[in-house]
Structures are given as structure tokens and as C-alpha cells.
């Protein structure tokens, strides 16, 4: 397994940012970039022409990860050449968030199951119910297969997101998946947050799917604004700084939900995943040190097989809310991951509107918000 990383900007075109100088015969290309550059298709067309046989996966971001750098207004393409393994691409259009479960299920059913060992999902970031998408994905996955991935981003704008389609071009309202095949390919994953709860726990008294209408019988948006104070005028983007901790059962791990949209008329909040009636939520706020520790913990949890050396590639998907909190210190969480995985591991990825991963190697995949989620790849020679 070999990798090479390229960076695209309109002024300089594609540039090699890897330590290796020779081009590799890529089977797979991960490409993450700004909404403007991905939507324009200029860089993607050049890349597809240069590597016509490579399958491309990716989409728009709220920041691109290249090594220990976090960039904006670029496209970062990570080329992968497998020696013994293969990949397959499938996609599904989504017309409305209410079809998210069906889209997730149909997506997985399109993949050949023989030899399938892992699925990586790249989804539309706004016109989607992420938790329903993941439930649909889980319903169709073979028992031994896990999915990881994320929801595309659009900076802090929340206006439009794009996914790279089968032709290697930007497409709206699309969910894509890559199936990985081969018994020599080892893939691991981990996901952790690092936010602190505060305030009292409140009961969800009225909701529908991922739209929250009432907490403790009071209008959700009104109550949420009372927590935010001066931050309320900057909704929905400021909501990324104050996610909700959600639990539906005392025996299950709580998940984090962040806001995608607000409706002043309905006094409602739309989240990236479901907020079921009868569940309990608490407001969360950032703890700088714990965010960094969460990224480090996610990296540690990927190192489950001590017989394998450092992974060749790690795809990092971190939430845009973490980037907004960490600001100029955002690279510290990426550097923390690099310290754990080692300098031989190529880091790539993006800042997202939602992350897909199990909490650990023993649990089922979930939709997360405000986490650092890591998928690592290593091919045995």
C-alpha cells in the first residue's frame, strides 16, 4: 500500500505535498475541499484526467487536513495504491431527509458482499437525517462489517454541500460509499469527543425525527436562546459551540447532537441526527484540554492490533464545532493524533457536519457530532 498527497489551489493548480516525488498508480483517491473549489469542478476534472482508473470519494468540508496542517480554501487529494486489496463505489440520491433510512439501506445493498471488510461513507451534509442514514446503513451491513465516514461540510455557512460522484465530479443531494475488499487490508477506527456538560437535564417533550420543538413543555428555540445569551444572534453557526448531550437509555452511551438550522416561526431546532421524544438532553460547552485529549484518545483506540506497525493512512473526520472552538490552536488536535500514530502515518481528512463511527472496536456505528473520528488503513505485504 502506497500513498501520495496533493494540494490544489486555483493559482498553483495541483502540487505534490508528499515526501515521495514519483507518481503512484492510484486505485483510490480521497478528496476533501472547500465548497467553492469542489463545486467548480476545475481541480476534480484535472485529477480525474490524470488518474482515470482511480475511484474518487470525498466532498466539501469546513477545513481540510493534510499531515498536521489544517487548511482552508484548498482541495487535498490523498492517492492510495493497494497491492492486494480492491474497492467499489456506490451512491444514492436523497430527495428529502425523511428518506434517509431508505437511502442508507439501499446504499449498502448495492455493494457486493463477498470479501467486504469495511465501508466508508461520504454523505450530503444538510439535506439529511444523519442518525436515520446510519440506522439504514446498519440494517443492511453484514454482521462482521463496520462503517465509518462523515457528513460533508460548508465551513460555518450551512448553505450547500457537495459529494464527489462516480464520474469524479461534484454533486448535490448525494450519499456515497466505498466498499473495501481483501483479507490483507486491516482497518481500525476510534471516536471521542471532549465536551463538558452543564446545566440541568431536560426532557424532550415534542420532536419529530431530527427536529426539536419542545423541552420540558417549553419552545425549544426560546429555551436554547436563553442559554446562549449574546451568542443567540449568530445562530445557527454559534450553536456549534453549544451542542446537546442526548441519552435515550441509561444503559447506552450518550451521543452528541449539533444544530443545522433554526426556525423562528416554529421555534424549533433542526439537528444532524434524531432527537427522540422522551429522551433527555443537556447543554454542553467546550473544554480546550479535553478536546485535545479526545483526539488523542481516538487515535489510541485505533491501535488495537499490536502485531501491526504504524498504519499507512489515517482519515481524520473532526466536527466543525471543534475547529471553531480551537481556532488558531486547531492543529494541536491533529498533532496529538500524529504523536500517537507516528510520523510514518499519512494524515488526511476534513472538518464535518457529522461523523460516522462506532465508539470503539466492539460497538456498532453511530452518528456523532463534535467528535474526532479516525479510520486507519494498513495493508499486509
Protein backbone atom coordinates (compact mmCIF):
# COMPACT_ATOMS: atom_id res chain seq x y z
CA UNK A 1 0.00 0.00 0.00
CA UNK A 2 1.40 3.34 -1.08
CA UNK A 3 0.09 6.87 -0.64
CA UNK A 4 0.74 10.28 -2.11
CA UNK A 5 -0.83 13.61 -1.17
CA UNK A 6 -1.61 16.52 -3.48
CA UNK A 7 -2.90 20.04 -2.82
CA UNK A 8 -4.96 22.15 -5.23
CA UNK A 9 -5.37 25.92 -5.26
CA UNK A 10 -6.67 27.93 -8.24
CA UNK A 11 -3.42 29.88 -8.58
CA UNK A 12 -0.97 26.99 -8.31
CA UNK A 13 -3.05 24.05 -9.51
CA UNK A 14 -2.15 20.61 -8.17
CA UNK A 15 1.09 20.35 -6.20
CA UNK A 16 2.71 17.30 -4.62
CA UNK A 17 2.92 17.80 -0.85
CA UNK A 18 4.19 14.28 -0.08
CA UNK A 19 7.68 13.20 0.84
CA UNK A 20 7.73 10.95 -2.23
CA UNK A 21 8.24 12.55 -5.62
CA UNK A 22 7.18 9.80 -8.04
CA UNK A 23 3.55 9.39 -9.09
CA UNK A 24 1.80 6.26 -7.84
CA UNK A 25 -0.72 4.11 -9.70
CA UNK A 26 -3.72 5.08 -7.57
CA UNK A 27 -6.70 2.76 -7.05
CA UNK A 28 -8.48 5.17 -4.73
CA UNK A 29 -8.44 8.94 -4.15
CA UNK A 30 -9.82 10.67 -1.07
CA UNK A 31 -10.52 14.33 -1.95
CA UNK A 32 -11.80 16.93 0.50
CA UNK A 33 -12.00 20.66 -0.19
CA UNK A 34 -13.78 23.97 0.17
CA UNK A 35 -17.31 24.29 -1.19
CA UNK A 36 -16.24 26.84 -3.80
CA UNK A 37 -13.42 24.71 -5.21
CA UNK A 38 -15.25 21.38 -5.14
CA UNK A 39 -18.39 22.87 -6.73
CA UNK A 40 -16.33 24.50 -9.52
CA UNK A 41 -15.04 21.03 -10.58
CA UNK A 42 -11.87 22.53 -12.08
CA UNK A 43 -9.45 20.70 -9.81
CA UNK A 44 -11.51 17.49 -9.82
CA UNK A 45 -11.54 17.31 -13.62
CA UNK A 46 -7.75 17.65 -13.76
CA UNK A 47 -7.35 14.97 -11.11
CA UNK A 48 -9.71 12.54 -12.85
CA UNK A 49 -7.95 13.07 -16.18
CA UNK A 50 -4.57 12.33 -14.60
CA UNK A 51 -5.83 9.25 -12.72
CA UNK A 52 -8.67 7.88 -14.90
CA UNK A 53 -8.66 4.43 -13.32
CA UNK A 54 -8.87 5.61 -9.71
CA UNK A 55 -12.12 5.64 -7.77
CA UNK A 56 -12.69 9.03 -6.14
CA UNK A 57 -14.54 9.67 -2.89
CA UNK A 58 -14.99 12.85 -0.87
CA UNK A 59 -16.74 16.18 -0.88
CA UNK A 60 -16.93 19.62 0.66
CA UNK A 61 -15.50 20.47 4.04
CA UNK A 62 -15.22 23.04 6.80
CA UNK A 63 -11.43 22.70 6.69
CA UNK A 64 -9.01 20.25 5.09
CA UNK A 65 -6.46 18.09 6.92
CA UNK A 66 -3.07 17.43 5.35
CA UNK A 67 -0.48 15.94 7.65
CA UNK A 68 -0.54 18.05 10.80
CA UNK A 69 -1.86 21.10 8.95
CA UNK A 70 -5.47 22.31 8.88
CA UNK A 71 -6.16 24.32 5.73
CA UNK A 72 -8.98 26.33 4.17
CA UNK A 73 -9.78 27.12 0.53
CA UNK A 74 -7.90 24.13 -0.88
CA UNK A 75 -8.58 20.62 -2.12
CA UNK A 76 -6.45 17.93 -0.52
CA UNK A 77 -6.30 14.70 -2.52
CA UNK A 78 -4.79 11.59 -0.96
CA UNK A 79 -3.91 8.95 -3.53
CA UNK A 80 -3.88 5.32 -2.43
CA UNK A 81 -2.38 2.38 -4.31
CA UNK A 82 -3.34 -1.04 -2.93
CA UNK A 83 -1.20 -4.06 -3.72
CA UNK A 84 -3.61 -6.83 -2.68
CA UNK A 85 -6.92 -5.07 -1.99
CA UNK A 86 -9.73 -3.57 -4.06
CA UNK A 87 -12.52 -1.01 -3.66
CA UNK A 88 -16.01 -0.42 -5.07
CA UNK A 89 -18.02 2.82 -5.29
CA UNK A 90 -21.80 3.16 -4.94
CA UNK A 91 -24.10 6.13 -4.40
CA UNK A 92 -27.72 7.08 -3.77
CA UNK A 93 -29.54 10.36 -4.35
CA UNK A 94 -31.50 11.79 -1.43
CA UNK A 95 -34.55 13.96 -2.11
CA UNK A 96 -35.67 14.63 1.47
CA UNK A 97 -34.35 13.93 4.99
CA UNK A 98 -37.36 11.65 5.62
CA UNK A 99 -35.85 9.13 3.16
CA UNK A 100 -32.50 8.93 4.99
CA UNK A 101 -33.06 5.41 6.38
CA UNK A 102 -34.05 4.05 2.98
CA UNK A 103 -31.09 5.76 1.32
CA UNK A 104 -28.66 4.23 3.82
CA UNK A 105 -30.10 0.76 3.43
CA UNK A 106 -30.21 0.89 -0.38
CA UNK A 107 -26.66 2.22 -0.50
CA UNK A 108 -25.21 -0.79 1.32
CA UNK A 109 -27.34 -3.25 -0.65
CA UNK A 110 -25.64 -2.04 -3.84
CA UNK A 111 -22.22 -3.17 -2.62
CA UNK A 112 -21.01 -6.70 -3.41
CA UNK A 113 -20.84 -8.56 -0.09
CA UNK A 114 -18.28 -11.24 -0.91
CA UNK A 115 -14.96 -10.25 0.65
CA UNK A 116 -16.36 -6.97 2.02
CA UNK A 117 -14.44 -5.92 5.13
CA UNK A 118 -15.30 -2.24 5.64
CA UNK A 119 -17.44 0.62 4.30
CA UNK A 120 -16.51 4.31 4.18
CA UNK A 121 -19.43 6.72 3.77
CA UNK A 122 -19.37 10.28 2.50
CA UNK A 123 -22.76 11.96 2.78
CA UNK A 124 -24.59 15.14 1.89
CA UNK A 125 -24.32 17.34 4.97
CA UNK A 126 -27.55 19.33 5.18
CA UNK A 127 -30.45 17.61 3.40
CA UNK A 128 -30.08 14.51 5.57
CA UNK A 129 -31.06 12.96 8.87
CA UNK A 130 -27.69 11.51 9.78
CA UNK A 131 -28.84 9.16 12.53
CA UNK A 132 -31.53 7.66 10.26
CA UNK A 133 -28.95 7.30 7.50
CA UNK A 134 -26.69 5.35 9.86
CA UNK A 135 -29.56 3.16 11.05
CA UNK A 136 -30.33 2.32 7.44
CA UNK A 137 -26.68 1.54 6.81
CA UNK A 138 -26.52 -0.73 9.89
CA UNK A 139 -29.67 -2.59 8.82
CA UNK A 140 -28.03 -3.75 5.59
CA UNK A 141 -24.41 -4.29 6.69
CA UNK A 142 -23.16 -7.87 7.02
CA UNK A 143 -22.63 -8.72 10.74
CA UNK A 144 -18.83 -8.55 10.57
CA UNK A 145 -18.63 -5.24 8.67
CA UNK A 146 -18.46 -1.74 10.18
CA UNK A 147 -19.00 1.64 8.52
CA UNK A 148 -17.13 4.87 9.19
CA UNK A 149 -17.23 8.23 7.42
CA UNK A 150 -18.82 11.64 7.70
CA UNK A 151 -21.21 14.32 6.52
CA UNK A 152 -19.88 16.96 4.14
CA UNK A 153 -19.35 20.49 5.44
CA UNK A 154 -19.69 24.05 4.19
CA UNK A 155 -17.48 26.00 6.56
CA UNK A 156 -19.76 27.75 9.05
CA UNK A 157 -22.17 28.79 6.27
CA UNK A 158 -24.70 25.90 6.35
CA UNK A 159 -25.88 26.70 2.82
CA UNK A 160 -24.85 23.86 0.50
CA UNK A 161 -22.66 20.78 0.44
CA UNK A 162 -21.39 18.60 -2.41
CA UNK A 163 -20.31 14.97 -2.72
CA UNK A 164 -17.98 13.57 -5.39
CA UNK A 165 -19.97 11.29 -7.69
CA UNK A 166 -18.99 8.24 -9.74
CA UNK A 167 -17.60 10.44 -12.52
CA UNK A 168 -15.36 12.28 -10.07
CA UNK A 169 -17.44 15.47 -10.17
CA UNK A 170 -19.34 17.47 -7.53
CA UNK A 171 -22.96 16.51 -6.99
CA UNK A 172 -25.64 17.81 -4.60
CA UNK A 173 -28.01 15.65 -2.55
CA UNK A 174 -25.86 12.55 -2.84
CA UNK A 175 -24.68 9.88 -0.40
CA UNK A 176 -21.70 7.76 -1.48
CA UNK A 177 -19.97 4.69 -0.09
CA UNK A 178 -16.70 2.88 -0.72
CA UNK A 179 -16.55 -0.85 -0.07
CA UNK A 180 -13.13 -2.26 0.84
CA UNK A 181 -12.21 -5.84 -0.10
CA UNK A 182 -9.25 -8.10 0.71
CA UNK A 183 -8.03 -10.17 3.65
CA UNK A 184 -4.69 -8.38 3.80
CA UNK A 185 -6.23 -4.97 4.46
CA UNK A 186 -6.50 -4.05 8.14
CA UNK A 187 -8.83 -1.18 9.08
CA UNK A 188 -9.39 0.21 12.57
CA UNK A 189 -11.32 3.15 13.98
CA UNK A 190 -11.98 5.28 17.03
CA UNK A 191 -14.15 8.24 18.04
CA UNK A 192 -14.06 10.52 21.09
CA UNK A 193 -15.29 14.00 21.99
CA UNK A 194 -14.13 16.04 24.96
CA UNK A 195 -17.02 18.40 25.80
CA UNK A 196 -18.34 19.18 29.28
CA UNK A 197 -21.99 19.02 30.32
CA UNK A 198 -23.51 21.96 32.17
CA UNK A 199 -26.96 22.99 33.32
CA UNK A 200 -29.82 20.65 34.16
CA UNK A 201 -31.01 17.69 32.12
CA UNK A 202 -34.24 18.41 30.23
CA UNK A 203 -36.92 16.14 28.80
CA UNK A 204 -37.71 16.21 25.09
CA UNK A 205 -41.48 16.69 25.15
CA UNK A 206 -42.09 17.33 21.44
CA UNK A 207 -39.98 16.38 18.44
CA UNK A 208 -40.19 14.78 15.02
CA UNK A 209 -37.16 12.89 13.76
CA UNK A 210 -34.30 15.43 13.89
CA UNK A 211 -36.49 18.50 14.60
CA UNK A 212 -36.81 19.55 18.24
CA UNK A 213 -39.91 21.57 19.15
CA UNK A 214 -40.20 21.49 22.95
CA UNK A 215 -38.08 20.86 26.03
CA UNK A 216 -39.92 20.43 29.34
CA UNK A 217 -43.03 21.68 27.55
CA UNK A 218 -41.39 24.97 26.50
CA UNK A 219 -40.47 26.12 22.97
CA UNK A 220 -37.04 24.66 22.21
CA UNK A 221 -35.58 27.65 20.37
CA UNK A 222 -36.70 30.11 23.06
CA UNK A 223 -35.14 27.98 25.79
CA UNK A 224 -31.95 27.37 23.83
CA UNK A 225 -31.52 31.10 23.14
CA UNK A 226 -31.82 31.81 26.86
CA UNK A 227 -28.78 29.59 27.41
CA UNK A 228 -26.74 31.20 24.65
CA UNK A 229 -27.18 34.84 25.62
CA UNK A 230 -25.22 37.06 23.21
CA UNK A 231 -24.34 34.02 21.07
CA UNK A 232 -28.03 33.63 20.13
CA UNK A 233 -27.86 36.34 17.45
CA UNK A 234 -25.35 34.24 15.50
CA UNK A 235 -27.46 31.08 15.25
CA UNK A 236 -27.23 28.53 13.72
CA UNK A 237 -23.42 28.75 13.48
CA UNK A 238 -22.99 29.69 17.15
CA UNK A 239 -24.90 26.55 18.07
CA UNK A 240 -21.78 24.61 17.13
CA UNK A 241 -20.20 25.95 20.31
CA UNK A 242 -23.05 24.60 22.48
CA UNK A 243 -24.12 21.11 21.38
CA UNK A 244 -26.57 18.86 23.21
CA UNK A 245 -25.72 15.64 25.04
CA UNK A 246 -28.51 13.16 24.25
CA UNK A 247 -29.41 9.95 26.04
CA UNK A 248 -32.35 7.70 25.26
CA UNK A 249 -31.43 4.94 27.70
CA UNK A 250 -29.37 4.98 30.89
CA UNK A 251 -27.54 1.85 29.74
CA UNK A 252 -26.37 3.31 26.42
CA UNK A 253 -23.53 5.66 25.62
CA UNK A 254 -24.88 9.21 25.16
CA UNK A 255 -24.38 10.85 21.78
CA UNK A 256 -23.83 14.50 20.89
CA UNK A 257 -26.07 16.50 18.57
CA UNK A 258 -25.37 19.87 16.96
CA UNK A 259 -27.67 22.32 15.21
CA UNK A 260 -28.03 22.53 11.43
CA UNK A 261 -30.87 25.08 11.26
CA UNK A 262 -33.36 27.13 13.30
CA UNK A 263 -36.99 28.03 12.54
CA UNK A 264 -38.10 31.24 14.22
CA UNK A 265 -41.74 30.74 13.27
CA UNK A 266 -41.95 27.20 14.64
CA UNK A 267 -39.48 27.99 17.46
CA UNK A 268 -37.73 24.76 16.54
CA UNK A 269 -34.19 23.49 16.12
CA UNK A 270 -33.05 21.07 13.40
CA UNK A 271 -30.17 18.76 14.30
CA UNK A 272 -27.87 16.49 12.30
CA UNK A 273 -29.50 13.43 13.88
CA UNK A 274 -32.65 12.34 15.67
CA UNK A 275 -33.84 13.88 18.96
CA UNK A 276 -36.47 11.33 20.07
CA UNK A 277 -39.40 12.30 22.27
CA UNK A 278 -38.88 11.01 25.79
CA UNK A 279 -35.11 11.32 25.60
CA UNK A 280 -33.07 13.61 27.84
CA UNK A 281 -30.64 16.34 26.77
CA UNK A 282 -28.12 18.59 28.49
CA UNK A 283 -26.24 21.53 27.09
CA UNK A 284 -22.50 21.14 26.52
CA UNK A 285 -19.61 23.55 26.29
CA UNK A 286 -16.02 23.27 25.16
CA UNK A 287 -13.11 22.31 27.34
CA UNK A 288 -9.95 23.07 25.38
CA UNK A 289 -7.71 20.47 27.03
CA UNK A 290 -10.36 17.76 26.86
CA UNK A 291 -10.91 18.36 23.13
CA UNK A 292 -7.22 17.69 22.51
CA UNK A 293 -7.31 14.68 24.84
CA UNK A 294 -10.35 13.38 22.96
CA UNK A 295 -8.46 13.43 19.66
CA UNK A 296 -5.52 11.64 21.28
CA UNK A 297 -7.85 9.07 22.82
CA UNK A 298 -9.50 8.40 19.46
CA UNK A 299 -6.06 7.75 17.95
CA UNK A 300 -5.09 5.38 20.77
CA UNK A 301 -8.28 3.36 20.33
CA UNK A 302 -7.39 2.62 16.69
CA UNK A 303 -4.21 0.79 17.72
CA UNK A 304 -5.92 -2.48 18.64
CA UNK A 305 -3.50 -4.86 16.88
CA UNK A 306 -0.02 -4.61 18.37
CA UNK A 307 1.36 -7.02 15.75
CA UNK A 308 0.86 -4.37 13.07
CA UNK A 309 3.14 -1.37 12.84
CA UNK A 310 2.02 2.20 12.33
CA UNK A 311 -0.92 2.48 9.93
CA UNK A 312 -0.06 3.70 6.44
CA UNK A 313 -3.02 6.09 6.26
CA UNK A 314 -5.40 7.69 8.73
CA UNK A 315 -8.56 9.51 7.64
CA UNK A 316 -9.49 12.07 10.30
CA UNK A 317 -13.02 13.48 10.42
CA UNK A 318 -13.48 16.14 13.08
CA UNK A 319 -16.50 18.33 13.70
CA UNK A 320 -16.60 21.94 12.53
CA UNK A 321 -17.61 22.92 16.07
CA UNK A 322 -14.24 21.75 17.38
CA UNK A 323 -12.49 23.88 14.77
CA UNK A 324 -14.48 26.96 15.78
CA UNK A 325 -13.63 26.42 19.44
CA UNK A 326 -9.93 25.63 18.99
CA UNK A 327 -9.45 28.46 16.44
CA UNK A 328 -5.75 29.10 15.81
CA UNK A 329 -4.90 26.11 18.04
CA UNK A 330 -6.89 23.67 15.88
CA UNK A 331 -3.74 21.96 14.60
CA UNK A 332 -2.99 20.80 18.14
CA UNK A 333 -5.63 18.07 17.92
CA UNK A 334 -4.17 16.84 14.62
CA UNK A 335 -0.65 16.97 16.06
CA UNK A 336 -1.90 14.93 19.03
CA UNK A 337 -3.14 12.25 16.64
CA UNK A 338 0.20 12.26 14.80
CA UNK A 339 2.09 11.84 18.08
CA UNK A 340 0.14 8.63 18.76
CA UNK A 341 0.08 7.10 15.26
CA UNK A 342 3.64 8.06 14.34
CA UNK A 343 5.26 10.14 11.64
CA UNK A 344 5.08 7.28 9.11
CA UNK A 345 1.28 7.53 9.03
CA UNK A 346 -0.12 9.89 6.38
CA UNK A 347 -2.91 12.03 7.85
CA UNK A 348 -5.79 13.24 5.68
CA UNK A 349 -9.40 14.23 6.29
CA UNK A 350 -11.73 17.16 6.88
CA UNK A 351 -13.93 19.08 9.31
CA UNK A 352 -17.51 17.93 9.00
CA UNK A 353 -21.18 18.36 9.91
CA UNK A 354 -21.29 14.87 11.41
CA UNK A 355 -19.08 11.86 12.00
CA UNK A 356 -19.91 8.17 11.47
CA UNK A 357 -18.12 5.57 13.58
CA UNK A 358 -18.51 3.14 16.46
CA UNK A 359 -17.32 4.46 19.82
CA UNK A 360 -14.83 1.61 19.85
CA UNK A 361 -13.92 -1.58 18.00
CA UNK A 362 -16.55 -3.51 19.97
CA UNK A 363 -19.63 -1.36 19.33
CA UNK A 364 -21.96 -0.52 16.45
CA UNK A 365 -21.54 2.56 14.28
CA UNK A 366 -23.41 5.73 15.25
CA UNK A 367 -23.78 9.28 14.05
CA UNK A 368 -21.68 11.60 16.20
CA UNK A 369 -21.27 15.34 16.41
CA UNK A 370 -18.37 17.22 17.96
CA UNK A 371 -16.03 14.22 17.91
CA UNK A 372 -12.70 13.39 16.35
CA UNK A 373 -13.28 10.20 14.36
CA UNK A 374 -10.35 8.27 12.88
CA UNK A 375 -10.21 5.40 10.38
CA UNK A 376 -6.78 3.81 9.86
CA UNK A 377 -5.60 1.65 6.95
CA UNK A 378 -2.74 -0.85 6.77
CA UNK A 379 -2.12 -3.47 4.09
CA UNK A 380 -0.02 -6.53 4.90
CA UNK A 381 2.54 -7.29 2.17
